[in-house]
C-alpha atoms as a PDB file:
ATOM      1  CA  MET A   1      97.438  26.873 -10.722  1.00  0.00           C
ATOM      2  CA  THR A   2      94.427  25.488 -12.105  1.00  0.00           C
ATOM      3  CA  PRO A   3      91.254  25.072 -10.145  1.00  0.00           C
ATOM      4  CA  ALA A   4      90.987  21.628  -8.139  1.00  0.00           C
ATOM      5  CA  SER A   5      88.816  19.005  -9.352  1.00  0.00           C
ATOM      6  CA  GLY A   6      86.434  19.627  -6.142  1.00  0.00           C
ATOM      7  CA  SER A   7      85.908  23.356  -6.849  1.00  0.00           C
ATOM      8  CA  ALA A   8      82.260  24.368  -7.888  1.00  0.00           C
ATOM      9  CA  GLY A   9      81.234  24.065 -11.320  1.00  0.00           C
ATOM     10  CA  GLY A  10      77.968  26.114 -11.239  1.00  0.00           C
ATOM     11  CA  VAL A  11      79.845  29.645 -11.108  1.00  0.00           C
ATOM     12  CA  THR A  12      80.550  31.482 -14.262  1.00  0.00           C
ATOM     13  CA  ASP A  13      84.093  32.428 -15.377  1.00  0.00           C
ATOM     14  CA  ALA A  14      83.245  36.121 -14.985  1.00  0.00           C
ATOM     15  CA  GLN A  15      82.220  35.681 -11.400  1.00  0.00           C
ATOM     16  CA  TRP A  16      85.290  34.001 -10.566  1.00  0.00           C
ATOM     17  CA  SER A  17      87.453  36.616 -12.155  1.00  0.00           C
ATOM     18  CA  ALA A  18      85.450  39.034 -10.487  1.00  0.00           C
ATOM     19  CA  ALA A  19      86.181  37.790  -7.072  1.00  0.00           C
ATOM     20  CA  VAL A  20      89.868  37.165  -7.857  1.00  0.00           C
ATOM     21  CA  GLU A  21      90.230  40.875  -8.513  1.00  0.00           C
ATOM     22  CA  ALA A  22      88.211  42.022  -5.553  1.00  0.00           C
ATOM     23  CA  VAL A  23      91.196  40.230  -3.666  1.00  0.00           C
ATOM     24  CA  ARG A  24      94.080  41.260  -5.646  1.00  0.00           C
ATOM     25  CA  GLY A  25      92.755  44.715  -6.170  1.00  0.00           C
ATOM     26  CA  LEU A  26      93.885  45.100  -2.377  1.00  0.00           C
ATOM     27  CA  THR A  27      97.530  45.447  -1.427  1.00  0.00           C
ATOM     28  CA  PRO A  28      98.685  43.489   1.637  1.00  0.00           C
ATOM     29  CA  GLY A  29     100.042  46.316   4.128  1.00  0.00           C
ATOM     30  CA  ASP A  30      98.283  49.250   2.785  1.00  0.00           C
ATOM     31  CA  ASP A  31      95.760  51.518   4.402  1.00  0.00           C
ATOM     32  CA  GLY A  32      93.082  49.877   2.216  1.00  0.00           C
ATOM     33  CA  ASP A  33      93.527  46.103   2.755  1.00  0.00           C
ATOM     34  CA  LYS A  34      90.873  45.422   5.623  1.00  0.00           C
ATOM     35  CA  ILE A  35      89.105  42.128   4.623  1.00  0.00           C
ATOM     36  CA  GLN A  36      85.863  41.413   6.904  1.00  0.00           C
ATOM     37  CA  LEU A  37      84.609  37.848   6.734  1.00  0.00           C
ATOM     38  CA  ILE A  38      81.236  36.874   7.855  1.00  0.00           C
ATOM     39  CA  CYS A  39      79.155  33.474   8.331  1.00  0.00           C
ATOM     40  CA  HIS A  40      75.582  32.981   9.373  1.00  0.00           C
ATOM     41  CA  VAL A  41      74.250  33.339  12.706  1.00  0.00           C
ATOM     42  CA  ASN A  42      74.487  30.280  14.699  1.00  0.00           C
ATOM     43  CA  PRO A  43      77.270  29.059  12.541  1.00  0.00           C
ATOM     44  CA  ASP A  44      77.798  25.331  11.785  1.00  0.00           C
ATOM     45  CA  GLY A  45      80.704  23.461  10.541  1.00  0.00           C
ATOM     46  CA  ASP A  46      80.282  24.519   6.691  1.00  0.00           C
ATOM     47  CA  ALA A  47      80.019  28.107   7.739  1.00  0.00           C
ATOM     48  CA  LEU A  48      82.752  28.348  10.179  1.00  0.00           C
ATOM     49  CA  GLY A  49      84.922  26.070   8.208  1.00  0.00           C
ATOM     50  CA  SER A  50      84.651  27.570   5.279  1.00  0.00           C
ATOM     51  CA  MET A  51      84.938  31.058   6.470  1.00  0.00           C
ATOM     52  CA  LEU A  52      88.114  30.421   8.563  1.00  0.00           C
ATOM     53  CA  GLY A  53      89.945  28.109   5.851  1.00  0.00           C
ATOM     54  CA  PHE A  54      89.889  30.813   3.397  1.00  0.00           C
ATOM     55  CA  ALA A  55      90.737  33.534   6.095  1.00  0.00           C
ATOM     56  CA  LEU A  56      93.879  31.491   6.740  1.00  0.00           C
ATOM     57  CA  GLY A  57      94.368  31.240   2.918  1.00  0.00           C
ATOM     58  CA  LEU A  58      94.344  35.402   2.696  1.00  0.00           C
ATOM     59  CA  ARG A  59      96.796  35.166   5.523  1.00  0.00           C
ATOM     60  CA  ARG A  60      98.863  33.156   3.158  1.00  0.00           C
ATOM     61  CA  LEU A  61      98.637  35.960   0.696  1.00  0.00           C
ATOM     62  CA  GLY A  62      99.854  38.406   3.226  1.00  0.00           C
ATOM     63  CA  PHE A  63      97.103  39.845   4.525  1.00  0.00           C
ATOM     64  CA  THR A  64      97.185  40.613   8.078  1.00  0.00           C
ATOM     65  CA  ARG A  65      93.967  43.070   8.753  1.00  0.00           C
ATOM     66  CA  LEU A  66      91.648  40.398   8.784  1.00  0.00           C
ATOM     67  CA  ARG A  67      88.450  39.852  11.235  1.00  0.00           C
ATOM     68  CA  ALA A  68      85.863  36.987  10.915  1.00  0.00           C
ATOM     69  CA  THR A  69      82.830  37.094  12.988  1.00  0.00           C
ATOM     70  CA  PHE A  70      79.110  35.974  12.723  1.00  0.00           C
ATOM     71  CA  PRO A  71      75.834  37.343  14.286  1.00  0.00           C
ATOM     72  CA  GLY A  72      74.733  36.915  17.899  1.00  0.00           C
ATOM     73  CA  PRO A  73      76.292  35.777  21.034  1.00  0.00           C
ATOM     74  CA  PHE A  74      80.269  35.240  20.769  1.00  0.00           C
ATOM     75  CA  GLU A  75      79.988  31.372  21.492  1.00  0.00           C
ATOM     76  CA  LEU A  76      81.322  28.609  19.619  1.00  0.00           C
ATOM     77  CA  PRO A  77      80.228  25.363  19.614  1.00  0.00           C
ATOM     78  CA  GLU A  78      82.315  22.977  21.478  1.00  0.00           C
ATOM     79  CA  PRO A  79      83.296  20.799  18.712  1.00  0.00           C
ATOM     80  CA  TYR A  80      84.555  23.890  16.531  1.00  0.00           C
ATOM     81  CA  GLN A  81      86.568  25.371  19.407  1.00  0.00           C
ATOM     82  CA  THR A  82      89.839  24.150  17.920  1.00  0.00           C
ATOM     83  CA  LEU A  83      89.445  24.979  14.580  1.00  0.00           C
ATOM     84  CA  PRO A  84      92.702  26.685  13.129  1.00  0.00           C
ATOM     85  CA  GLY A  85      92.108  30.140  12.273  1.00  0.00           C
ATOM     86  CA  ARG A  86      89.917  30.948  15.677  1.00  0.00           C
ATOM     87  CA  ASP A  87      92.426  33.617  16.746  1.00  0.00           C
ATOM     88  CA  LEU A  88      90.714  35.534  13.595  1.00  0.00           C
ATOM     89  CA  LEU A  89      87.161  35.504  15.326  1.00  0.00           C
ATOM     90  CA  VAL A  90      85.934  38.546  16.893  1.00  0.00           C
ATOM     91  CA  PRO A  91      82.457  39.154  18.527  1.00  0.00           C
ATOM     92  CA  ASP A  92      80.363  41.106  15.822  1.00  0.00           C
ATOM     93  CA  GLU A  93      80.624  44.519  17.519  1.00  0.00           C
ATOM     94  CA  GLN A  94      84.264  44.518  16.860  1.00  0.00           C
ATOM     95  CA  ALA A  95      83.909  43.840  13.052  1.00  0.00           C
ATOM     96  CA  PHE A  96      85.423  46.157  10.781  1.00  0.00           C
ATOM     97  CA  SER A  97      82.749  48.827  10.045  1.00  0.00           C
ATOM     98  CA  ASP A  98      84.841  50.666   7.072  1.00  0.00           C
ATOM     99  CA  ALA A  99      86.146  47.075   5.710  1.00  0.00           C
ATOM    100  CA  ASP A 100      87.645  47.512   2.070  1.00  0.00           C
ATOM    101  CA  LEU A 101      86.223  43.945   1.391  1.00  0.00           C
ATOM    102  CA  VAL A 102      83.474  42.048   3.003  1.00  0.00           C
ATOM    103  CA  MET A 103      83.017  38.635   2.099  1.00  0.00           C
ATOM    104  CA  THR A 104      80.238  36.203   3.468  1.00  0.00           C
ATOM    105  CA  PHE A 105      80.183  32.340   3.685  1.00  0.00           C
ATOM    106  CA  ASP A 106      77.398  30.073   3.661  1.00  0.00           C
ATOM    107  CA  VAL A 107      74.963  33.171   4.093  1.00  0.00           C
ATOM    108  CA  ALA A 108      71.721  32.381   1.927  1.00  0.00           C
ATOM    109  CA  ALA A 109      69.987  35.831   2.589  1.00  0.00           C
ATOM    110  CA  GLU A 110      70.684  38.720   4.265  1.00  0.00           C
ATOM    111  CA  SER A 111      68.429  38.235   7.006  1.00  0.00           C
ATOM    112  CA  ARG A 112      70.829  35.496   8.001  1.00  0.00           C
ATOM    113  CA  LEU A 113      73.531  38.218   8.933  1.00  0.00           C
ATOM    114  CA  GLY A 114      71.471  39.974  11.791  1.00  0.00           C
ATOM    115  CA  ALA A 115      72.902  43.347  12.501  1.00  0.00           C
ATOM    116  CA  LEU A 116      76.163  42.881  10.496  1.00  0.00           C
ATOM    117  CA  VAL A 117      73.875  43.452   7.566  1.00  0.00           C
ATOM    118  CA  GLU A 118      74.878  47.081   7.985  1.00  0.00           C
ATOM    119  CA  LEU A 119      77.943  46.426   6.943  1.00  0.00           C
ATOM    120  CA  LEU A 120      77.273  45.872   3.456  1.00  0.00           C
ATOM    121  CA  PRO A 121      76.218  48.739   1.756  1.00  0.00           C
ATOM    122  CA  PRO A 122      79.239  50.809   2.958  1.00  0.00           C
ATOM    123  CA  ALA A 123      81.865  48.236   1.577  1.00  0.00           C
ATOM    124  CA  PRO A 124      83.066  48.882  -1.572  1.00  0.00           C
ATOM    125  CA  CYS A 125      82.659  45.319  -2.705  1.00  0.00           C
ATOM    126  CA  VAL A 126      80.774  42.383  -1.047  1.00  0.00           C
ATOM    127  CA  VAL A 127      81.649  38.813  -2.309  1.00  0.00           C
ATOM    128  CA  ALA A 128      79.135  35.995  -1.247  1.00  0.00           C
ATOM    129  CA  LEU A 129      80.332  32.477  -1.528  1.00  0.00           C
ATOM    130  CA  ASP A 130      77.490  29.978  -0.737  1.00  0.00           C
ATOM    131  CA  HIS A 131      75.822  26.991  -2.168  1.00  0.00           C
ATOM    132  CA  HIS A 132      72.164  27.261  -1.198  1.00  0.00           C
ATOM    133  CA  ALA A 133      69.651  27.297  -4.230  1.00  0.00           C
ATOM    134  CA  SER A 134      67.824  29.807  -2.336  1.00  0.00           C
ATOM    135  CA  ASN A 135      70.135  32.450  -2.276  1.00  0.00           C
ATOM    136  CA  THR A 136      69.047  35.873  -2.810  1.00  0.00           C
ATOM    137  CA  GLY A 137      72.035  37.097  -4.706  1.00  0.00           C
ATOM    138  CA  PHE A 138      72.630  40.168  -2.056  1.00  0.00           C
ATOM    139  CA  GLY A 139      76.654  40.397  -2.993  1.00  0.00           C
ATOM    140  CA  ARG A 140      78.193  42.611  -5.773  1.00  0.00           C
ATOM    141  CA  VAL A 141      79.813  39.367  -6.468  1.00  0.00           C
ATOM    142  CA  ASN A 142      78.031  36.107  -5.779  1.00  0.00           C
ATOM    143  CA  LEU A 143      79.975  32.434  -6.062  1.00  0.00           C
ATOM    144  CA  VAL A 144      76.759  30.604  -5.591  1.00  0.00           C
ATOM    145  CA  ASP A 145      76.755  26.919  -6.529  1.00  0.00           C
ATOM    146  CA  PRO A 146      73.730  24.938  -5.739  1.00  0.00           C
ATOM    147  CA  GLY A 147      75.288  22.062  -6.986  1.00  0.00           C
ATOM    148  CA  ALA A 148      78.224  22.292  -4.411  1.00  0.00           C
ATOM    149  CA  ALA A 149      78.175  20.136  -1.422  1.00  0.00           C
ATOM    150  CA  ALA A 150      79.167  22.670   0.826  1.00  0.00           C
ATOM    151  CA  THR A 151      80.460  26.051   0.729  1.00  0.00           C
ATOM    152  CA  SER A 152      83.864  24.864   1.296  1.00  0.00           C
ATOM    153  CA  VAL A 153      83.762  23.810  -2.363  1.00  0.00           C
ATOM    154  CA  VAL A 154      83.451  27.195  -3.639  1.00  0.00           C
ATOM    155  CA  ALA A 155      86.157  28.475  -1.012  1.00  0.00           C
ATOM    156  CA  ASP A 156      88.545  25.875  -2.375  1.00  0.00           C
ATOM    157  CA  GLY A 157      87.640  27.093  -5.982  1.00  0.00           C
ATOM    158  CA  LEU A 158      88.270  30.769  -5.250  1.00  0.00           C
ATOM    159  CA  LEU A 159      91.642  29.958  -3.079  1.00  0.00           C
ATOM    160  CA  SER A 160      92.811  27.926  -5.997  1.00  0.00           C
ATOM    161  CA  ARG A 161      92.376  30.549  -8.447  1.00  0.00           C
ATOM    162  CA  LEU A 162      94.053  32.883  -6.078  1.00  0.00           C
ATOM    163  CA  GLY A 163      97.396  30.467  -6.385  1.00  0.00           C
ATOM    164  CA  VAL A 164      97.045  29.368  -2.655  1.00  0.00           C
ATOM    165  CA  ALA A 165      97.735  25.902  -2.150  1.00  0.00           C
ATOM    166  CA  LEU A 166      96.442  23.786   0.625  1.00  0.00           C
ATOM    167  CA  ASP A 167      98.090  23.291   4.018  1.00  0.00           C
ATOM    168  CA  ARG A 168      97.536  21.274   6.845  1.00  0.00           C
ATOM    169  CA  GLU A 169      95.293  24.145   8.750  1.00  0.00           C
ATOM    170  CA  ILE A 170      93.433  25.100   5.656  1.00  0.00           C
ATOM    171  CA  ALA A 171      92.302  21.436   5.002  1.00  0.00           C
ATOM    172  CA  GLU A 172      91.253  20.700   8.368  1.00  0.00           C
ATOM    173  CA  CYS A 173      88.750  23.770   8.180  1.00  0.00           C
ATOM    174  CA  PHE A 174      87.856  22.669   4.960  1.00  0.00           C
ATOM    175  CA  TYR A 175      87.459  19.060   5.730  1.00  0.00           C
ATOM    176  CA  VAL A 176      85.228  19.762   8.990  1.00  0.00           C
ATOM    177  CA  ALA A 177      82.949  21.976   6.426  1.00  0.00           C
ATOM    178  CA  LEU A 178      82.697  19.207   3.832  1.00  0.00           C
ATOM    179  CA  SER A 179      82.093  16.547   6.214  1.00  0.00           C
ATOM    180  CA  THR A 180      79.607  18.107   8.176  1.00  0.00           C
ATOM    181  CA  ASP A 181      77.411  19.450   5.101  1.00  0.00           C
ATOM    182  CA  THR A 182      77.598  16.137   3.549  1.00  0.00           C
ATOM    183  CA  GLY A 183      76.656  14.137   6.787  1.00  0.00           C
ATOM    184  CA  SER A 184      79.885  12.540   6.759  1.00  0.00           C
ATOM    185  CA  PHE A 185      79.494  11.963   3.141  1.00  0.00           C
ATOM    186  CA  LYS A 186      76.337  10.398   2.999  1.00  0.00           C
ATOM    187  CA  PHE A 187      73.838  12.887   1.346  1.00  0.00           C
ATOM    188  CA  ASP A 188      73.171  13.169  -2.394  1.00  0.00           C
ATOM    189  CA  LEU A 189      75.415  15.810  -3.071  1.00  0.00           C
ATOM    190  CA  THR A 190      78.532  13.583  -2.466  1.00  0.00           C
ATOM    191  CA  THR A 191      79.661  13.218  -5.652  1.00  0.00           C
ATOM    192  CA  PRO A 192      82.972  11.572  -7.160  1.00  0.00           C
ATOM    193  CA  ALA A 193      84.586  15.464  -6.916  1.00  0.00           C
ATOM    194  CA  VAL A 194      83.693  15.998  -3.196  1.00  0.00           C
ATOM    195  CA  HIS A 195      85.509  12.622  -2.540  1.00  0.00           C
ATOM    196  CA  GLU A 196      88.599  13.822  -4.940  1.00  0.00           C
ATOM    197  CA  LEU A 197      88.434  17.156  -2.766  1.00  0.00           C
ATOM    198  CA  ALA A 198      88.374  15.104   0.733  1.00  0.00           C
ATOM    199  CA  ALA A 199      91.295  13.478  -0.545  1.00  0.00           C
ATOM    200  CA  ARG A 200      93.208  16.348  -1.415  1.00  0.00           C
ATOM    201  CA  LEU A 201      92.429  17.595   2.003  1.00  0.00           C
ATOM    202  CA  ILE A 202      93.610  14.462   3.515  1.00  0.00           C
ATOM    203  CA  GLU A 203      96.733  14.408   1.624  1.00  0.00           C
ATOM    204  CA  THR A 204      98.017  17.293   3.844  1.00  0.00           C
ATOM    205  CA  GLY A 205      98.327  15.154   6.641  1.00  0.00           C
ATOM    206  CA  ILE A 206      94.980  16.033   8.650  1.00  0.00           C
ATOM    207  CA  SER A 207      93.337  13.061  10.641  1.00  0.00           C
ATOM    208  CA  PRO A 208      89.952  12.252   9.196  1.00  0.00           C
ATOM    209  CA  GLY A 209      89.184   9.711  12.520  1.00  0.00           C
ATOM    210  CA  ALA A 210      90.232  12.265  15.009  1.00  0.00           C
ATOM    211  CA  ILE A 211      88.086  15.360  13.281  1.00  0.00           C
ATOM    212  CA  SER A 212      85.260  13.073  12.958  1.00  0.00           C
ATOM    213  CA  ARG A 213      85.473  11.678  16.711  1.00  0.00           C
ATOM    214  CA  ARG A 214      85.248  15.305  17.641  1.00  0.00           C
ATOM    215  CA  ILE A 215      82.772  16.864  15.247  1.00  0.00           C
ATOM    216  CA  PHE A 216      80.203  13.732  15.213  1.00  0.00           C
ATOM    217  CA  ASP A 217      81.057  11.255  18.037  1.00  0.00           C
ATOM    218  CA  THR A 218      81.979  13.116  21.435  1.00  0.00           C
ATOM    219  CA  ARG A 219      79.015  14.681  23.369  1.00  0.00           C
ATOM    220  CA  PRO A 220      78.498  15.072  27.087  1.00  0.00           C
ATOM    221  CA  PHE A 221      76.320  12.697  29.108  1.00  0.00           C
ATOM    222  CA  GLY A 222      73.860  15.258  29.550  1.00  0.00           C
ATOM    223  CA  ALA A 223      73.514  15.756  25.949  1.00  0.00           C
ATOM    224  CA  MET A 224      72.543  12.155  25.617  1.00  0.00           C
ATOM    225  CA  LYS A 225      69.945  12.460  28.543  1.00  0.00           C
ATOM    226  CA  LEU A 226      68.747  15.534  26.871  1.00  0.00           C
ATOM    227  CA  VAL A 227      68.248  14.181  23.297  1.00  0.00           C
ATOM    228  CA  GLY A 228      66.741  10.900  24.669  1.00  0.00           C
ATOM    229  CA  GLU A 229      64.137  13.160  26.264  1.00  0.00           C
ATOM    230  CA  VAL A 230      63.273  15.071  23.199  1.00  0.00           C
ATOM    231  CA  LEU A 231      63.117  12.148  20.842  1.00  0.00           C
ATOM    232  CA  GLY A 232      60.772  10.773  23.737  1.00  0.00           C
ATOM    233  CA  ARG A 233      58.312  13.700  22.618  1.00  0.00           C
ATOM    234  CA  ALA A 234      58.503  13.175  19.021  1.00  0.00           C
ATOM    235  CA  ALA A 235      55.123  12.954  16.705  1.00  0.00           C
ATOM    236  CA  LEU A 236      54.318  11.396  13.582  1.00  0.00           C
ATOM    237  CA  ASP A 237      51.484  12.694  11.169  1.00  0.00           C
ATOM    238  CA  PRO A 238      51.103  10.141   8.464  1.00  0.00           C
ATOM    239  CA  THR A 239      48.596  12.428   6.602  1.00  0.00           C
ATOM    240  CA  ALA A 240      50.828  15.382   6.073  1.00  0.00           C
ATOM    241  CA  ALA A 241      52.428  16.084   3.108  1.00  0.00           C
ATOM    242  CA  GLY A 242      49.857  14.380   0.712  1.00  0.00           C
ATOM    243  CA  GLY A 243      50.156  11.299   2.944  1.00  0.00           C
ATOM    244  CA  ARG A 244      54.114  11.312   2.852  1.00  0.00           C
ATOM    245  CA  GLY A 245      54.065  11.840   6.567  1.00  0.00           C
ATOM    246  CA  MET A 246      55.839  14.444   8.778  1.00  0.00           C
ATOM    247  CA  VAL A 247      57.529  13.803  12.144  1.00  0.00           C
ATOM    248  CA  TRP A 248      58.426  16.472  14.527  1.00  0.00           C
ATOM    249  CA  THR A 249      59.712  17.229  17.840  1.00  0.00           C
ATOM    250  CA  TYR A 250      60.720  20.250  19.752  1.00  0.00           C
ATOM    251  CA  ALA A 251      63.413  21.250  22.590  1.00  0.00           C
ATOM    252  CA  THR A 252      63.270  24.209  24.876  1.00  0.00           C
ATOM    253  CA  LEU A 253      65.462  26.306  26.603  1.00  0.00           C
ATOM    254  CA  ALA A 254      64.337  24.786  29.904  1.00  0.00           C
ATOM    255  CA  ASP A 255      65.379  21.561  28.537  1.00  0.00           C
ATOM    256  CA  LEU A 256      68.978  22.663  27.826  1.00  0.00           C
ATOM    257  CA  GLU A 257      69.045  24.357  31.367  1.00  0.00           C
ATOM    258  CA  ARG A 258      67.500  21.151  33.220  1.00  0.00           C
ATOM    259  CA  HIS A 259      70.349  18.856  31.647  1.00  0.00           C
ATOM    260  CA  GLY A 260      72.916  21.466  32.089  1.00  0.00           C
ATOM    261  CA  GLN A 261      73.593  21.815  28.135  1.00  0.00           C
ATOM    262  CA  ARG A 262      74.554  24.300  25.572  1.00  0.00           C
ATOM    263  CA  PRO A 263      72.350  24.700  22.451  1.00  0.00           C
ATOM    264  CA  TYR A 264      74.942  23.482  20.096  1.00  0.00           C
ATOM    265  CA  VAL A 265      74.190  19.615  21.383  1.00  0.00           C
ATOM    266  CA  LEU A 266      70.945  19.630  19.667  1.00  0.00           C
ATOM    267  CA  ASP A 267      72.590  20.612  15.887  1.00  0.00           C
ATOM    268  CA  THR A 268      72.347  16.899  14.953  1.00  0.00           C
ATOM    269  CA  LEU A 269      69.219  16.127  16.676  1.00  0.00           C
ATOM    270  CA  ILE A 270      67.470  16.349  13.156  1.00  0.00           C
ATOM    271  CA  ASP A 271      69.521  13.404  11.961  1.00  0.00           C
ATOM    272  CA  PRO A 272      67.658  10.635  14.286  1.00  0.00           C
ATOM    273  CA  VAL A 273      64.272  12.491  13.597  1.00  0.00           C
ATOM    274  CA  ARG A 274      64.660  12.299   9.738  1.00  0.00           C
ATOM    275  CA  SER A 275      65.306   8.229   9.964  1.00  0.00           C
ATOM    276  CA  VAL A 276      61.701   7.598  10.814  1.00  0.00           C
ATOM    277  CA  ALA A 277      60.590   5.323   8.332  1.00  0.00           C
ATOM    278  CA  GLU A 278      56.862   6.257   7.916  1.00  0.00           C
ATOM    279  CA  ALA A 279      57.744  10.157   6.852  1.00  0.00           C
ATOM    280  CA  ASP A 280      59.287  12.143   4.247  1.00  0.00           C
ATOM    281  CA  VAL A 281      59.513  15.386   6.227  1.00  0.00           C
ATOM    282  CA  ALA A 282      61.333  15.888   9.461  1.00  0.00           C
ATOM    283  CA  VAL A 283      61.064  19.214  11.751  1.00  0.00           C
ATOM    284  CA  VAL A 284      62.614  19.762  14.522  1.00  0.00           C
ATOM    285  CA  VAL A 285      61.753  23.038  16.196  1.00  0.00           C
ATOM    286  CA  LYS A 286      64.523  24.692  19.071  1.00  0.00           C
ATOM    287  CA  GLU A 287      63.807  27.449  21.425  1.00  0.00           C
ATOM    288  CA  LEU A 288      66.068  30.584  20.813  1.00  0.00           C
ATOM    289  CA  ALA A 289      64.076  32.770  23.158  1.00  0.00           C
ATOM    290  CA  ALA A 290      60.726  33.257  24.588  1.00  0.00           C
ATOM    291  CA  GLY A 291      58.171  32.555  21.466  1.00  0.00           C
ATOM    292  CA  GLU A 292      61.428  32.253  19.045  1.00  0.00           C
ATOM    293  CA  TRP A 293      62.390  28.851  17.409  1.00  0.00           C
ATOM    294  CA  ALA A 294      65.015  27.701  15.369  1.00  0.00           C
ATOM    295  CA  VAL A 295      63.167  25.368  12.656  1.00  0.00           C
ATOM    296  CA  SER A 296      65.188  22.566  10.869  1.00  0.00           C
ATOM    297  CA  LEU A 297      63.700  21.047   7.825  1.00  0.00           C
ATOM    298  CA  ARG A 298      64.589  17.565   5.981  1.00  0.00           C
ATOM    299  CA  SER A 299      63.024  15.672   3.307  1.00  0.00           C
ATOM    300  CA  LYS A 300      63.428  12.451   1.661  1.00  0.00           C
ATOM    301  CA  GLY A 301      62.594  13.476  -1.435  1.00  0.00           C
ATOM    302  CA  ALA A 302      58.861  14.065  -1.895  1.00  0.00           C
ATOM    303  CA  VAL A 303      58.938  17.865  -0.556  1.00  0.00           C
ATOM    304  CA  ASP A 304      60.984  20.721  -1.243  1.00  0.00           C
ATOM    305  CA  VAL A 305      61.623  22.156   2.051  1.00  0.00           C
ATOM    306  CA  SER A 306      63.919  25.207   0.751  1.00  0.00           C
ATOM    307  CA  ARG A 307      60.358  26.452  -0.690  1.00  0.00           C
ATOM    308  CA  VAL A 308      58.694  25.818   2.811  1.00  0.00           C
ATOM    309  CA  ALA A 309      61.641  27.472   4.659  1.00  0.00           C
ATOM    310  CA  VAL A 310      61.647  30.496   1.970  1.00  0.00           C
ATOM    311  CA  ALA A 311      57.929  31.141   2.631  1.00  0.00           C
ATOM    312  CA  PHE A 312      58.715  31.719   6.342  1.00  0.00           C
ATOM    313  CA  GLY A 313      61.695  34.193   5.513  1.00  0.00           C
ATOM    314  CA  GLY A 314      64.431  31.057   5.616  1.00  0.00           C
ATOM    315  CA  GLY A 315      66.310  29.113   3.120  1.00  0.00           C
ATOM    316  CA  GLY A 316      68.479  26.187   2.542  1.00  0.00           C
ATOM    317  CA  HIS A 317      68.490  23.266   0.042  1.00  0.00           C
ATOM    318  CA  ARG A 318      65.519  21.389  -1.522  1.00  0.00           C
ATOM    319  CA  LEU A 319      65.942  18.490   1.146  1.00  0.00           C
ATOM    320  CA  ALA A 320      67.321  20.526   3.772  1.00  0.00           C
ATOM    321  CA  ALA A 321      66.399  24.215   5.001  1.00  0.00           C
ATOM    322  CA  GLY A 322      65.589  25.997   7.960  1.00  0.00           C
ATOM    323  CA  PHE A 323      63.996  29.505   9.203  1.00  0.00           C
ATOM    324  CA  THR A 324      63.063  31.209  12.523  1.00  0.00           C
ATOM    325  CA  GLY A 325      59.376  30.764  13.670  1.00  0.00           C
ATOM    326  CA  TYR A 326      57.148  32.576  16.331  1.00  0.00           C
ATOM    327  CA  GLY A 327      54.865  31.359  18.804  1.00  0.00           C
ATOM    328  CA  THR A 328      54.601  28.098  20.287  1.00  0.00           C
ATOM    329  CA  PRO A 329      56.109  24.774  18.661  1.00  0.00           C
ATOM    330  CA  GLY A 330      52.299  23.514  17.791  1.00  0.00           C
ATOM    331  CA  ASP A 331      51.910  27.180  15.855  1.00  0.00           C
ATOM    332  CA  VAL A 332      55.162  26.552  13.921  1.00  0.00           C
ATOM    333  CA  VAL A 333      54.274  22.911  13.095  1.00  0.00           C
ATOM    334  CA  VAL A 334      50.709  23.649  12.069  1.00  0.00           C
ATOM    335  CA  ALA A 335      52.248  26.639   9.678  1.00  0.00           C
ATOM    336  CA  VAL A 336      54.895  24.134   8.036  1.00  0.00           C
ATOM    337  CA  ARG A 337      52.124  21.323   7.667  1.00  0.00           C
ATOM    338  CA  ASP A 338      49.856  24.010   5.963  1.00  0.00           C
ATOM    339  CA  GLN A 339      52.644  24.700   3.255  1.00  0.00           C
ATOM    340  CA  LEU A 340      53.883  21.092   2.563  1.00  0.00           C
ATOM    341  CA  GLU A 341      51.322  19.897   0.064  1.00  0.00           C
ATOM    342  CA  SER A 342      52.150  23.434  -2.151  1.00  0.00           C
ATOM    343  CA  CYS A 343      55.595  22.280  -2.235  1.00  0.00           C
ATOM    344  CA  LEU A 344      55.485  18.720  -3.238  1.00  0.00           C
ATOM    345  CA  ILE A 345      58.254  17.652  -5.877  1.00  0.00           C
END
């Protein structure tokens, strides 16, 4: 089977071959066939969809000793709780400590693996599938394509090379991954190849409308009230980023508790914030614990926010990145603002 038109083009033939060999070198049913799949902390649609879709492909190859996980609390955002392959998910403490192969998905740096980073050194092989330009190359085999719209594009490329055809369950996972990381196919990396991949996924019989309603258009009433409150405290700094402007807001754990909501409802908060016409850069600061914040960064093109994120131990893409910040929301935003001019494109 030849790789599909949507497969990644930024990975060398040698890297593809090494990844295929890492999987094909294991024999399903033997003692040495444990495969551990890991995605990043606070997983999003691409992380979960790519990982579970690929895990289902491995199951099609006959592998049964498969476990998928992510660091931190074992809690899936509501929109992803019906993803196919979720039966393969285990809490991080149940991950194989003696895996014969470790595969990571959408992980740009080891810091995004939390305590699960300890599983990498003992593993005979680590294959990293990713699409972040800031990827640190921590795998023994690195399938990293910064030109890919989502990690699912890379995962599809590897499944194709392993001879696994798409079925409806794999396609649903990959479609969730692809649609979330392209912002419903509206971001710059939405290429003709992306639409070709989406068409192949839809051809399996999945329902794009039903998936989109579940992922993008269904939130509790309390979430709407919460987002309205958080947007109401947004602030605009027109002088930031060399006069290109920065808009920012923050959400606390107390906000979530007051409205009876889980953290996932804030995952898309960056979208209305980034729409502000007077600002190139958008920043959303979400409380994780006392004095600890998940920071989302977006740019319309004037600033390379991945460089900003890397400066604080995070990573991402030129126009979309993130990191973990500490202190107060004001401390975090001042630190970001101080980095912007040095990261102008």
